[in-house]
Amino acid sequence: MSERLGESANPPRQAVTPLVAAPDQWRDIGQMLGGAFQDDPVWQWISRDGDRRNKHLGMMFAHAIRSRVEAGQTWTTHDIGGAAVWAKPGHWRMTASENVRSLIPSLRAIGATSIMRGLRALATIEKLHPSEPHWYLEFLAADASRRGQGFGSALIQPILDRCDEEGLPAYLESSKEANLPFYNRFGFEVTNRFHIGDDAPPMWAMWREPRMH
């Protein structure tokens, strides 16, 4: 849905070796994402209790990405310094069983009084999601202590290479305008600027056509 990178449009500062996440790393990657998204404007709007976010957001992410990690669709590093969580073409929408599994962690992270705001936000994002087959970059983030060190650039590249090889587009939503130049560098272009609620911060839908070699 969004990302926390802290990268500029400059080349990466260090070499980062991307690895396919092991199936049992979903909890650890979820906790990393939870920390990375603590100060994200969209998640602050959805879950307005900072203590609740700090305590429970990681486990909510863990359950949300579990299937992606177990299916080999998540890239990370040996020390989980960041992660790129992808959904393969035709499988971007969470299944009924995944929604059930994520319900309690989501309630803990968002709170019962805010859960409807979260559900409406999800419905808006799903409504705007393109129907054409594509790879969906669901989450891209670097650990809060690793921002600006090239993790986003390294972790996004393996599936983009696959998109180019298979002739498939890629899609994402960005929650931070400052990250648009980063994605532009990889061929993503803004296709829509939208809000998931009347007083919500803006988000940007971005689409990338495959690059032919």
N, C-alpha and C. Protein backbone atom coordinates (compact mmCIF):
# COMPACT_ATOMS: atom_id res chain seq x y z
N MET A 1 0.82 -1.20 0.00
CA MET A 1 0.00 0.00 0.00
C MET A 1 0.85 1.25 0.00
N SER A 2 2.02 1.17 0.60
CA SER A 2 2.85 2.34 0.72
C SER A 2 4.24 1.92 1.13
N GLU A 3 5.09 2.93 1.39
CA GLU A 3 6.49 2.61 1.62
C GLU A 3 7.15 3.58 2.58
N ARG A 4 8.21 3.11 3.21
CA ARG A 4 9.03 3.97 4.04
C ARG A 4 10.48 3.70 3.68
N LEU A 5 11.05 4.58 2.86
CA LEU A 5 12.37 4.33 2.31
C LEU A 5 13.42 5.30 2.83
N GLY A 6 13.10 6.58 2.82
CA GLY A 6 14.08 7.58 3.19
C GLY A 6 15.18 7.73 2.17
N GLU A 7 14.93 7.28 0.93
CA GLU A 7 15.96 7.39 -0.11
C GLU A 7 15.71 8.61 -0.97
N SER A 8 16.77 9.16 -1.46
CA SER A 8 16.67 10.23 -2.45
C SER A 8 16.74 9.60 -3.82
N ALA A 9 16.74 10.43 -4.84
CA ALA A 9 16.85 9.92 -6.21
C ALA A 9 18.29 9.63 -6.59
N ASN A 10 19.23 9.74 -5.66
CA ASN A 10 20.62 9.46 -5.94
C ASN A 10 20.88 7.96 -5.93
N PRO A 11 21.99 7.49 -6.53
CA PRO A 11 22.30 6.07 -6.51
C PRO A 11 22.49 5.56 -5.09
N PRO A 12 22.30 4.23 -4.87
CA PRO A 12 22.48 3.67 -3.53
C PRO A 12 23.89 3.93 -3.00
N ARG A 13 23.99 4.10 -1.69
CA ARG A 13 25.27 4.40 -1.07
C ARG A 13 26.10 3.15 -0.80
N GLN A 14 25.47 1.99 -0.73
CA GLN A 14 26.20 0.79 -0.39
C GLN A 14 25.61 -0.39 -1.14
N ALA A 15 26.41 -1.46 -1.21
CA ALA A 15 25.92 -2.67 -1.87
C ALA A 15 25.02 -3.42 -0.90
N VAL A 16 23.82 -3.76 -1.36
CA VAL A 16 22.87 -4.53 -0.56
C VAL A 16 22.52 -5.78 -1.36
N THR A 17 22.65 -6.93 -0.75
CA THR A 17 22.38 -8.19 -1.44
C THR A 17 20.96 -8.66 -1.15
N PRO A 18 20.05 -8.61 -2.14
CA PRO A 18 18.67 -9.07 -1.90
C PRO A 18 18.58 -10.60 -1.89
N LEU A 19 17.76 -11.11 -1.01
CA LEU A 19 17.53 -12.55 -0.88
C LEU A 19 16.04 -12.80 -0.81
N VAL A 20 15.60 -13.93 -1.35
CA VAL A 20 14.20 -14.34 -1.16
C VAL A 20 14.00 -14.69 0.30
N ALA A 21 13.00 -14.11 0.93
CA ALA A 21 12.76 -14.37 2.34
C ALA A 21 12.42 -15.83 2.58
N ALA A 22 12.92 -16.37 3.67
CA ALA A 22 12.57 -17.74 4.06
C ALA A 22 11.11 -17.77 4.51
N PRO A 23 10.42 -18.88 4.31
CA PRO A 23 9.00 -18.95 4.66
C PRO A 23 8.69 -18.62 6.12
N ASP A 24 9.64 -18.91 7.01
CA ASP A 24 9.37 -18.68 8.43
C ASP A 24 9.78 -17.29 8.92
N GLN A 25 10.14 -16.39 7.99
CA GLN A 25 10.57 -15.05 8.38
C GLN A 25 9.43 -14.03 8.41
N TRP A 26 8.21 -14.47 8.23
CA TRP A 26 7.11 -13.52 8.11
C TRP A 26 6.90 -12.69 9.38
N ARG A 27 7.12 -13.30 10.54
CA ARG A 27 6.95 -12.52 11.78
C ARG A 27 8.01 -11.43 11.90
N ASP A 28 9.27 -11.81 11.66
CA ASP A 28 10.36 -10.83 11.79
C ASP A 28 10.23 -9.72 10.76
N ILE A 29 9.85 -10.07 9.53
CA ILE A 29 9.67 -9.04 8.51
C ILE A 29 8.49 -8.15 8.87
N GLY A 30 7.43 -8.73 9.40
CA GLY A 30 6.29 -7.95 9.83
C GLY A 30 6.66 -6.95 10.91
N GLN A 31 7.48 -7.37 11.86
CA GLN A 31 7.90 -6.46 12.92
C GLN A 31 8.75 -5.33 12.36
N MET A 32 9.61 -5.64 11.39
CA MET A 32 10.40 -4.59 10.75
C MET A 32 9.50 -3.58 10.06
N LEU A 33 8.50 -4.08 9.32
CA LEU A 33 7.57 -3.19 8.64
C LEU A 33 6.79 -2.34 9.63
N GLY A 34 6.37 -2.95 10.73
CA GLY A 34 5.63 -2.20 11.75
C GLY A 34 6.43 -1.03 12.28
N GLY A 35 7.72 -1.24 12.51
CA GLY A 35 8.57 -0.14 12.96
C GLY A 35 8.78 0.90 11.88
N ALA A 36 8.94 0.45 10.65
CA ALA A 36 9.20 1.38 9.54
C ALA A 36 8.01 2.27 9.25
N PHE A 37 6.80 1.78 9.50
CA PHE A 37 5.60 2.54 9.15
C PHE A 37 5.01 3.32 10.33
N GLN A 38 5.72 3.39 11.46
CA GLN A 38 5.20 4.12 12.61
C GLN A 38 4.91 5.58 12.28
N ASP A 39 5.76 6.21 11.48
CA ASP A 39 5.58 7.63 11.19
C ASP A 39 5.02 7.87 9.79
N ASP A 40 4.49 6.83 9.18
CA ASP A 40 3.89 7.00 7.85
C ASP A 40 2.58 7.78 7.98
N PRO A 41 2.36 8.80 7.15
CA PRO A 41 1.16 9.63 7.31
C PRO A 41 -0.15 8.89 7.14
N VAL A 42 -0.18 7.91 6.24
CA VAL A 42 -1.43 7.17 6.04
C VAL A 42 -1.73 6.27 7.22
N TRP A 43 -0.71 5.58 7.72
CA TRP A 43 -0.94 4.71 8.88
C TRP A 43 -1.22 5.52 10.13
N GLN A 44 -0.67 6.71 10.24
CA GLN A 44 -1.01 7.58 11.36
C GLN A 44 -2.47 8.02 11.28
N TRP A 45 -2.96 8.18 10.06
CA TRP A 45 -4.37 8.56 9.88
C TRP A 45 -5.28 7.38 10.20
N ILE A 46 -4.91 6.18 9.79
CA ILE A 46 -5.74 5.00 10.03
C ILE A 46 -5.73 4.62 11.51
N SER A 47 -4.54 4.52 12.09
CA SER A 47 -4.37 4.14 13.49
C SER A 47 -3.82 5.33 14.25
N ARG A 48 -4.67 6.06 14.94
CA ARG A 48 -4.29 7.37 15.48
C ARG A 48 -3.71 7.30 16.88
N ASP A 49 -3.68 6.13 17.46
CA ASP A 49 -3.11 5.93 18.79
C ASP A 49 -1.67 5.46 18.62
N GLY A 50 -0.70 6.35 18.91
CA GLY A 50 0.70 6.01 18.72
C GLY A 50 1.16 4.82 19.54
N ASP A 51 0.69 4.71 20.77
CA ASP A 51 1.07 3.57 21.61
C ASP A 51 0.55 2.27 21.04
N ARG A 52 -0.67 2.31 20.52
CA ARG A 52 -1.27 1.11 19.92
C ARG A 52 -0.50 0.71 18.67
N ARG A 53 -0.15 1.68 17.83
CA ARG A 53 0.64 1.37 16.64
C ARG A 53 1.98 0.75 17.02
N ASN A 54 2.64 1.36 17.99
CA ASN A 54 3.96 0.89 18.39
C ASN A 54 3.91 -0.55 18.92
N LYS A 55 2.85 -0.88 19.59
CA LYS A 55 2.75 -2.20 20.23
C LYS A 55 2.26 -3.28 19.28
N HIS A 56 1.34 -2.93 18.36
CA HIS A 56 0.64 -3.97 17.60
C HIS A 56 0.79 -3.91 16.08
N LEU A 57 1.31 -2.82 15.51
CA LEU A 57 1.33 -2.71 14.06
C LEU A 57 2.20 -3.79 13.41
N GLY A 58 3.30 -4.14 14.07
CA GLY A 58 4.18 -5.17 13.51
C GLY A 58 3.49 -6.51 13.33
N MET A 59 2.72 -6.93 14.32
CA MET A 59 2.03 -8.22 14.19
C MET A 59 0.92 -8.14 13.15
N MET A 60 0.28 -6.98 13.01
CA MET A 60 -0.72 -6.83 11.95
C MET A 60 -0.07 -7.00 10.58
N PHE A 61 1.07 -6.35 10.37
CA PHE A 61 1.79 -6.51 9.12
C PHE A 61 2.20 -7.97 8.91
N ALA A 62 2.67 -8.61 9.97
CA ALA A 62 3.13 -9.99 9.85
C ALA A 62 2.04 -10.90 9.30
N HIS A 63 0.84 -10.77 9.82
CA HIS A 63 -0.26 -11.61 9.34
C HIS A 63 -0.69 -11.19 7.93
N ALA A 64 -0.59 -9.90 7.62
CA ALA A 64 -0.99 -9.42 6.29
C ALA A 64 -0.06 -9.96 5.20
N ILE A 65 1.23 -10.12 5.53
CA ILE A 65 2.21 -10.53 4.51
C ILE A 65 2.55 -12.00 4.56
N ARG A 66 2.03 -12.73 5.50
CA ARG A 66 2.45 -14.11 5.72
C ARG A 66 2.39 -14.93 4.44
N SER A 67 1.29 -14.87 3.71
CA SER A 67 1.14 -15.67 2.50
C SER A 67 2.16 -15.27 1.44
N ARG A 68 2.46 -13.97 1.34
CA ARG A 68 3.45 -13.51 0.36
C ARG A 68 4.84 -14.05 0.69
N VAL A 69 5.17 -14.04 1.97
CA VAL A 69 6.48 -14.54 2.38
C VAL A 69 6.57 -16.04 2.15
N GLU A 70 5.55 -16.77 2.55
CA GLU A 70 5.57 -18.22 2.41
C GLU A 70 5.58 -18.66 0.95
N ALA A 71 5.06 -17.80 0.06
CA ALA A 71 5.02 -18.13 -1.37
C ALA A 71 6.29 -17.70 -2.10
N GLY A 72 7.26 -17.15 -1.39
CA GLY A 72 8.51 -16.73 -2.04
C GLY A 72 8.39 -15.44 -2.82
N GLN A 73 7.46 -14.57 -2.42
CA GLN A 73 7.23 -13.32 -3.14
C GLN A 73 7.74 -12.09 -2.37
N THR A 74 8.61 -12.33 -1.41
CA THR A 74 9.15 -11.25 -0.60
C THR A 74 10.66 -11.30 -0.63
N TRP A 75 11.27 -10.13 -0.85
CA TRP A 75 12.72 -10.02 -0.89
C TRP A 75 13.20 -9.24 0.32
N THR A 76 14.28 -9.71 0.94
CA THR A 76 14.83 -9.06 2.11
C THR A 76 16.35 -9.21 2.08
N THR A 77 17.00 -8.97 3.22
CA THR A 77 18.44 -9.17 3.34
C THR A 77 18.72 -10.15 4.47
N HIS A 78 19.97 -10.56 4.63
CA HIS A 78 20.28 -11.59 5.62
C HIS A 78 19.92 -11.15 7.04
N ASP A 79 19.93 -9.83 7.28
CA ASP A 79 19.60 -9.34 8.61
C ASP A 79 18.27 -8.58 8.64
N ILE A 80 17.45 -8.78 7.62
CA ILE A 80 16.13 -8.13 7.51
C ILE A 80 16.28 -6.62 7.68
N GLY A 81 17.20 -6.04 6.91
CA GLY A 81 17.37 -4.60 6.93
C GLY A 81 16.30 -3.86 6.15
N GLY A 82 15.49 -4.59 5.41
CA GLY A 82 14.40 -4.02 4.64
C GLY A 82 13.63 -5.16 3.99
N ALA A 83 12.57 -4.82 3.26
CA ALA A 83 11.79 -5.84 2.57
C ALA A 83 10.98 -5.24 1.44
N ALA A 84 10.84 -6.02 0.38
CA ALA A 84 9.93 -5.70 -0.72
C ALA A 84 8.93 -6.85 -0.79
N VAL A 85 7.68 -6.56 -0.53
CA VAL A 85 6.63 -7.57 -0.49
C VAL A 85 5.78 -7.43 -1.74
N TRP A 86 5.77 -8.46 -2.56
CA TRP A 86 5.06 -8.44 -3.84
C TRP A 86 3.90 -9.43 -3.85
N ALA A 87 2.89 -9.12 -4.64
CA ALA A 87 1.82 -10.06 -4.96
C ALA A 87 1.91 -10.36 -6.45
N LYS A 88 1.86 -11.63 -6.78
CA LYS A 88 1.98 -12.01 -8.18
C LYS A 88 0.70 -11.69 -8.95
N PRO A 89 0.77 -11.65 -10.27
CA PRO A 89 -0.40 -11.27 -11.07
C PRO A 89 -1.64 -12.10 -10.72
N GLY A 90 -2.74 -11.41 -10.52
CA GLY A 90 -4.01 -12.06 -10.23
C GLY A 90 -4.21 -12.45 -8.79
N HIS A 91 -3.24 -12.14 -7.91
CA HIS A 91 -3.34 -12.57 -6.51
C HIS A 91 -3.07 -11.43 -5.54
N TRP A 92 -3.39 -10.21 -5.93
CA TRP A 92 -3.13 -9.08 -5.06
C TRP A 92 -4.17 -8.92 -3.96
N ARG A 93 -5.37 -9.42 -4.18
CA ARG A 93 -6.44 -9.26 -3.18
C ARG A 93 -6.32 -10.33 -2.10
N MET A 94 -6.47 -9.93 -0.85
CA MET A 94 -6.40 -10.90 0.24
C MET A 94 -7.59 -11.85 0.18
N THR A 95 -7.33 -13.12 0.48
CA THR A 95 -8.40 -14.12 0.48
C THR A 95 -9.23 -14.00 1.75
N ALA A 96 -10.37 -14.70 1.77
CA ALA A 96 -11.24 -14.68 2.95
C ALA A 96 -10.51 -15.22 4.17
N SER A 97 -9.75 -16.30 3.99
CA SER A 97 -9.02 -16.87 5.13
C SER A 97 -7.94 -15.93 5.63
N GLU A 98 -7.29 -15.21 4.72
CA GLU A 98 -6.27 -14.24 5.13
C GLU A 98 -6.91 -13.08 5.89
N ASN A 99 -8.08 -12.65 5.46
CA ASN A 99 -8.78 -11.58 6.17
C ASN A 99 -9.17 -12.01 7.57
N VAL A 100 -9.64 -13.24 7.70
CA VAL A 100 -10.01 -13.76 9.02
C VAL A 100 -8.79 -13.82 9.92
N ARG A 101 -7.68 -14.32 9.38
CA ARG A 101 -6.45 -14.46 10.15
C ARG A 101 -5.92 -13.11 10.60
N SER A 102 -6.17 -12.06 9.81
CA SER A 102 -5.65 -10.73 10.11
C SER A 102 -6.59 -9.90 10.98
N LEU A 103 -7.80 -10.38 11.23
CA LEU A 103 -8.80 -9.57 11.90
C LEU A 103 -8.38 -9.13 13.30
N ILE A 104 -8.01 -10.08 14.16
CA ILE A 104 -7.66 -9.75 15.53
C ILE A 104 -6.40 -8.87 15.58
N PRO A 105 -5.33 -9.22 14.85
CA PRO A 105 -4.17 -8.31 14.85
C PRO A 105 -4.52 -6.90 14.35
N SER A 106 -5.41 -6.81 13.37
CA SER A 106 -5.81 -5.49 12.86
C SER A 106 -6.59 -4.71 13.90
N LEU A 107 -7.48 -5.37 14.62
CA LEU A 107 -8.24 -4.70 15.67
C LEU A 107 -7.31 -4.18 16.76
N ARG A 108 -6.29 -4.97 17.09
CA ARG A 108 -5.35 -4.53 18.11
C ARG A 108 -4.53 -3.35 17.64
N ALA A 109 -4.15 -3.35 16.37
CA ALA A 109 -3.29 -2.28 15.85
C ALA A 109 -4.06 -1.00 15.56
N ILE A 110 -5.30 -1.12 15.12
CA ILE A 110 -6.07 0.04 14.70
C ILE A 110 -7.04 0.50 15.78
N GLY A 111 -7.62 -0.45 16.51
CA GLY A 111 -8.61 -0.11 17.53
C GLY A 111 -10.01 -0.25 17.00
N ALA A 112 -10.91 -0.71 17.85
CA ALA A 112 -12.29 -0.96 17.43
C ALA A 112 -12.97 0.28 16.91
N THR A 113 -12.67 1.45 17.50
CA THR A 113 -13.35 2.67 17.08
C THR A 113 -12.85 3.17 15.72
N SER A 114 -11.69 2.69 15.28
CA SER A 114 -11.12 3.14 14.02
C SER A 114 -11.16 2.09 12.92
N ILE A 115 -11.66 0.90 13.25
CA ILE A 115 -11.58 -0.19 12.27
C ILE A 115 -12.40 0.13 11.03
N MET A 116 -13.52 0.83 11.17
CA MET A 116 -14.32 1.16 9.98
C MET A 116 -13.56 2.12 9.07
N ARG A 117 -12.77 3.02 9.65
CA ARG A 117 -11.95 3.91 8.84
C ARG A 117 -10.95 3.09 8.03
N GLY A 118 -10.35 2.10 8.68
CA GLY A 118 -9.42 1.23 7.98
C GLY A 118 -10.07 0.43 6.89
N LEU A 119 -11.27 -0.09 7.14
CA LEU A 119 -11.97 -0.88 6.14
C LEU A 119 -12.38 -0.03 4.94
N ARG A 120 -12.82 1.20 5.20
CA ARG A 120 -13.17 2.09 4.09
C ARG A 120 -11.94 2.44 3.26
N ALA A 121 -10.81 2.63 3.94
CA ALA A 121 -9.56 2.91 3.23
C ALA A 121 -9.19 1.75 2.32
N LEU A 122 -9.29 0.52 2.86
CA LEU A 122 -8.97 -0.66 2.07
C LEU A 122 -9.91 -0.79 0.88
N ALA A 123 -11.19 -0.50 1.08
CA ALA A 123 -12.16 -0.60 -0.01
C ALA A 123 -11.84 0.40 -1.12
N THR A 124 -11.42 1.61 -0.74
CA THR A 124 -11.04 2.61 -1.74
C THR A 124 -9.84 2.16 -2.55
N ILE A 125 -8.84 1.64 -1.87
CA ILE A 125 -7.63 1.17 -2.54
C ILE A 125 -7.96 0.02 -3.49
N GLU A 126 -8.79 -0.91 -3.04
CA GLU A 126 -9.15 -2.04 -3.90
C GLU A 126 -9.98 -1.59 -5.10
N LYS A 127 -10.85 -0.61 -4.90
CA LYS A 127 -11.68 -0.11 -6.00
C LYS A 127 -10.84 0.51 -7.10
N LEU A 128 -9.75 1.17 -6.72
CA LEU A 128 -8.89 1.85 -7.69
C LEU A 128 -7.82 0.94 -8.28
N HIS A 129 -7.71 -0.26 -7.77
CA HIS A 129 -6.65 -1.17 -8.21
C HIS A 129 -6.90 -1.60 -9.66
N PRO A 130 -5.89 -1.55 -10.51
CA PRO A 130 -6.09 -1.92 -11.92
C PRO A 130 -6.39 -3.40 -12.09
N SER A 131 -7.14 -3.72 -13.13
CA SER A 131 -7.55 -5.09 -13.39
C SER A 131 -6.60 -5.83 -14.32
N GLU A 132 -5.80 -5.10 -15.06
CA GLU A 132 -4.84 -5.73 -15.97
C GLU A 132 -3.82 -6.56 -15.18
N PRO A 133 -3.42 -7.74 -15.65
CA PRO A 133 -2.43 -8.54 -14.94
C PRO A 133 -1.14 -7.76 -14.70
N HIS A 134 -0.62 -7.85 -13.47
CA HIS A 134 0.58 -7.09 -13.11
C HIS A 134 1.15 -7.64 -11.80
N TRP A 135 2.40 -7.31 -11.54
CA TRP A 135 3.00 -7.54 -10.23
C TRP A 135 2.69 -6.33 -9.37
N TYR A 136 2.27 -6.58 -8.12
CA TYR A 136 1.86 -5.52 -7.21
C TYR A 136 2.87 -5.40 -6.07
N LEU A 137 3.52 -4.24 -5.99
CA LEU A 137 4.43 -3.98 -4.88
C LEU A 137 3.60 -3.52 -3.69
N GLU A 138 3.32 -4.45 -2.81
CA GLU A 138 2.41 -4.17 -1.69
C GLU A 138 3.10 -3.31 -0.62
N PHE A 139 4.33 -3.68 -0.27
CA PHE A 139 5.08 -2.92 0.72
C PHE A 139 6.55 -2.89 0.33
N LEU A 140 7.17 -1.73 0.50
CA LEU A 140 8.61 -1.59 0.33
C LEU A 140 9.09 -0.70 1.46
N ALA A 141 10.01 -1.20 2.26
CA ALA A 141 10.48 -0.42 3.40
C ALA A 141 11.87 -0.85 3.80
N ALA A 142 12.60 0.08 4.38
CA ALA A 142 13.87 -0.20 5.04
C ALA A 142 13.65 -0.04 6.54
N ASP A 143 14.37 -0.84 7.31
CA ASP A 143 14.34 -0.66 8.76
C ASP A 143 14.66 0.80 9.08
N ALA A 144 14.02 1.31 10.13
CA ALA A 144 14.18 2.73 10.46
C ALA A 144 15.64 3.13 10.60
N SER A 145 16.50 2.22 11.05
CA SER A 145 17.91 2.54 11.23
C SER A 145 18.71 2.43 9.93
N ARG A 146 18.06 1.94 8.84
CA ARG A 146 18.77 1.71 7.58
C ARG A 146 18.30 2.62 6.45
N ARG A 147 17.48 3.57 6.73
CA ARG A 147 16.95 4.42 5.67
C ARG A 147 18.05 5.20 4.99
N GLY A 148 17.93 5.34 3.69
CA GLY A 148 18.90 6.09 2.93
C GLY A 148 20.15 5.33 2.58
N GLN A 149 20.17 4.01 2.81
CA GLN A 149 21.37 3.20 2.58
C GLN A 149 21.25 2.28 1.36
N GLY A 150 20.24 2.48 0.54
CA GLY A 150 20.14 1.73 -0.70
C GLY A 150 19.32 0.47 -0.63
N PHE A 151 18.64 0.23 0.48
CA PHE A 151 17.88 -1.01 0.60
C PHE A 151 16.70 -1.05 -0.37
N GLY A 152 15.99 0.05 -0.50
CA GLY A 152 14.85 0.06 -1.40
C GLY A 152 15.25 -0.24 -2.83
N SER A 153 16.32 0.37 -3.30
CA SER A 153 16.79 0.16 -4.67
C SER A 153 17.14 -1.30 -4.92
N ALA A 154 17.86 -1.90 -3.98
CA ALA A 154 18.29 -3.28 -4.16
C ALA A 154 17.13 -4.26 -4.10
N LEU A 155 16.20 -4.02 -3.18
CA LEU A 155 15.14 -5.00 -2.94
C LEU A 155 14.03 -4.95 -3.98
N ILE A 156 13.86 -3.81 -4.63
CA ILE A 156 12.80 -3.70 -5.63
C ILE A 156 13.22 -4.31 -6.97
N GLN A 157 14.54 -4.40 -7.20
CA GLN A 157 15.03 -4.73 -8.53
C GLN A 157 14.74 -6.16 -9.00
N PRO A 158 14.84 -7.21 -8.16
CA PRO A 158 14.65 -8.56 -8.69
C PRO A 158 13.31 -8.79 -9.38
N ILE A 159 12.23 -8.29 -8.79
CA ILE A 159 10.92 -8.51 -9.43
C ILE A 159 10.75 -7.60 -10.63
N LEU A 160 11.33 -6.40 -10.60
CA LEU A 160 11.27 -5.56 -11.80
C LEU A 160 12.00 -6.23 -12.96
N ASP A 161 13.12 -6.89 -12.67
CA ASP A 161 13.81 -7.65 -13.72
C ASP A 161 12.91 -8.75 -14.26
N ARG A 162 12.19 -9.40 -13.35
CA ARG A 162 11.27 -10.45 -13.79
C ARG A 162 10.13 -9.87 -14.63
N CYS A 163 9.64 -8.71 -14.23
CA CYS A 163 8.59 -8.05 -15.02
C CYS A 163 9.08 -7.81 -16.45
N ASP A 164 10.31 -7.35 -16.58
CA ASP A 164 10.86 -7.07 -17.90
C ASP A 164 11.03 -8.36 -18.70
N GLU A 165 11.47 -9.42 -18.04
CA GLU A 165 11.66 -10.70 -18.73
C GLU A 165 10.32 -11.28 -19.19
N GLU A 166 9.29 -11.11 -18.38
CA GLU A 166 7.98 -11.71 -18.68
C GLU A 166 7.06 -10.75 -19.44
N GLY A 167 7.50 -9.51 -19.62
CA GLY A 167 6.67 -8.53 -20.32
C GLY A 167 5.44 -8.11 -19.53
N LEU A 168 5.58 -8.01 -18.19
CA LEU A 168 4.45 -7.67 -17.34
C LEU A 168 4.67 -6.31 -16.68
N PRO A 169 3.60 -5.54 -16.50
CA PRO A 169 3.71 -4.27 -15.80
C PRO A 169 3.78 -4.48 -14.29
N ALA A 170 4.03 -3.40 -13.56
CA ALA A 170 4.04 -3.41 -12.10
C ALA A 170 3.25 -2.21 -11.60
N TYR A 171 2.72 -2.34 -10.38
CA TYR A 171 1.84 -1.31 -9.82
C TYR A 171 2.15 -1.16 -8.34
N LEU A 172 1.96 0.07 -7.83
CA LEU A 172 2.12 0.33 -6.40
C LEU A 172 1.32 1.56 -6.03
N GLU A 173 1.14 1.75 -4.72
CA GLU A 173 0.61 3.01 -4.19
C GLU A 173 1.66 3.60 -3.26
N SER A 174 1.97 4.87 -3.45
CA SER A 174 2.93 5.55 -2.58
C SER A 174 2.18 6.49 -1.64
N SER A 175 2.62 6.51 -0.39
CA SER A 175 1.98 7.38 0.60
C SER A 175 2.81 8.62 0.89
N LYS A 176 3.88 8.81 0.12
CA LYS A 176 4.77 9.93 0.39
C LYS A 176 5.22 10.55 -0.93
N GLU A 177 4.91 11.82 -1.12
CA GLU A 177 5.25 12.50 -2.38
C GLU A 177 6.76 12.54 -2.61
N ALA A 178 7.53 12.61 -1.53
CA ALA A 178 8.99 12.70 -1.66
C ALA A 178 9.59 11.44 -2.29
N ASN A 179 8.86 10.33 -2.26
CA ASN A 179 9.38 9.08 -2.83
C ASN A 179 9.03 8.90 -4.30
N LEU A 180 8.23 9.80 -4.87
CA LEU A 180 7.86 9.65 -6.28
C LEU A 180 9.07 9.68 -7.21
N PRO A 181 10.05 10.57 -7.00
CA PRO A 181 11.24 10.53 -7.87
C PRO A 181 12.00 9.22 -7.79
N PHE A 182 12.02 8.61 -6.62
CA PHE A 182 12.67 7.30 -6.47
C PHE A 182 12.03 6.29 -7.39
N TYR A 183 10.70 6.22 -7.38
CA TYR A 183 10.01 5.26 -8.23
C TYR A 183 10.10 5.64 -9.71
N ASN A 184 10.11 6.93 -10.00
CA ASN A 184 10.29 7.37 -11.38
C ASN A 184 11.58 6.81 -11.97
N ARG A 185 12.60 6.73 -11.15
CA ARG A 185 13.89 6.24 -11.61
C ARG A 185 13.81 4.80 -12.11
N PHE A 186 12.84 4.04 -11.58
CA PHE A 186 12.67 2.65 -11.98
C PHE A 186 11.60 2.47 -13.05
N GLY A 187 11.06 3.58 -13.54
CA GLY A 187 10.09 3.50 -14.62
C GLY A 187 8.65 3.64 -14.21
N PHE A 188 8.37 3.86 -12.94
CA PHE A 188 6.99 4.05 -12.48
C PHE A 188 6.54 5.48 -12.78
N GLU A 189 5.28 5.61 -13.21
CA GLU A 189 4.69 6.91 -13.47
C GLU A 189 3.39 7.05 -12.69
N VAL A 190 3.13 8.24 -12.18
CA VAL A 190 1.89 8.48 -11.44
C VAL A 190 0.69 8.41 -12.38
N THR A 191 -0.29 7.62 -12.00
CA THR A 191 -1.52 7.52 -12.78
C THR A 191 -2.73 8.11 -12.06
N ASN A 192 -2.59 8.34 -10.75
CA ASN A 192 -3.73 8.88 -10.00
C ASN A 192 -3.24 9.41 -8.66
N ARG A 193 -3.80 10.51 -8.24
CA ARG A 193 -3.61 11.04 -6.88
C ARG A 193 -4.96 10.95 -6.20
N PHE A 194 -5.01 10.31 -5.04
CA PHE A 194 -6.31 10.06 -4.42
C PHE A 194 -6.22 10.12 -2.90
N HIS A 195 -7.39 10.13 -2.26
CA HIS A 195 -7.49 10.13 -0.80
C HIS A 195 -8.33 8.93 -0.37
N ILE A 196 -7.94 8.30 0.72
CA ILE A 196 -8.70 7.14 1.22
C ILE A 196 -9.74 7.57 2.25
N GLY A 197 -9.89 8.85 2.49
CA GLY A 197 -10.88 9.39 3.39
C GLY A 197 -10.94 10.89 3.23
N ASP A 198 -12.01 11.51 3.72
CA ASP A 198 -12.20 12.94 3.51
C ASP A 198 -11.04 13.77 4.06
N ASP A 199 -10.50 13.39 5.21
CA ASP A 199 -9.42 14.16 5.82
C ASP A 199 -8.10 13.40 5.78
N ALA A 200 -8.02 12.40 4.92
CA ALA A 200 -6.81 11.58 4.84
C ALA A 200 -5.72 12.26 4.02
N PRO A 201 -4.46 11.95 4.29
CA PRO A 201 -3.38 12.47 3.45
C PRO A 201 -3.45 11.84 2.07
N PRO A 202 -2.86 12.48 1.07
CA PRO A 202 -2.96 11.94 -0.29
C PRO A 202 -2.09 10.69 -0.48
N MET A 203 -2.48 9.90 -1.48
CA MET A 203 -1.69 8.78 -1.95
C MET A 203 -1.56 8.87 -3.46
N TRP A 204 -0.58 8.19 -4.01
CA TRP A 204 -0.31 8.24 -5.44
C TRP A 204 -0.27 6.83 -6.00
N ALA A 205 -1.10 6.55 -7.00
CA ALA A 205 -1.03 5.29 -7.72
C ALA A 205 0.03 5.41 -8.80
N MET A 206 0.86 4.37 -8.93
CA MET A 206 1.96 4.42 -9.89
C MET A 206 2.01 3.12 -10.70
N TRP A 207 2.27 3.25 -11.99
CA TRP A 207 2.25 2.13 -12.93
C TRP A 207 3.56 2.11 -13.70
N ARG A 208 4.06 0.91 -13.93
CA ARG A 208 5.31 0.75 -14.68
C ARG A 208 5.11 -0.26 -15.81
N GLU A 209 5.35 0.18 -17.03
CA GLU A 209 5.33 -0.74 -18.15
C GLU A 209 6.67 -1.48 -18.20
N PRO A 210 6.67 -2.73 -18.67
CA PRO A 210 7.94 -3.48 -18.74
C PRO A 210 8.90 -2.83 -19.71
N ARG A 211 10.17 -2.91 -19.37
CA ARG A 211 11.22 -2.41 -20.23
C ARG A 211 11.73 -3.52 -21.12
N MET A 212 11.74 -3.26 -22.39
CA MET A 212 12.16 -4.27 -23.36
C MET A 212 13.67 -4.20 -23.56
N HIS A 213 14.31 -5.35 -23.59
CA HIS A 213 15.77 -5.42 -23.77
C HIS A 213 16.10 -5.78 -25.20
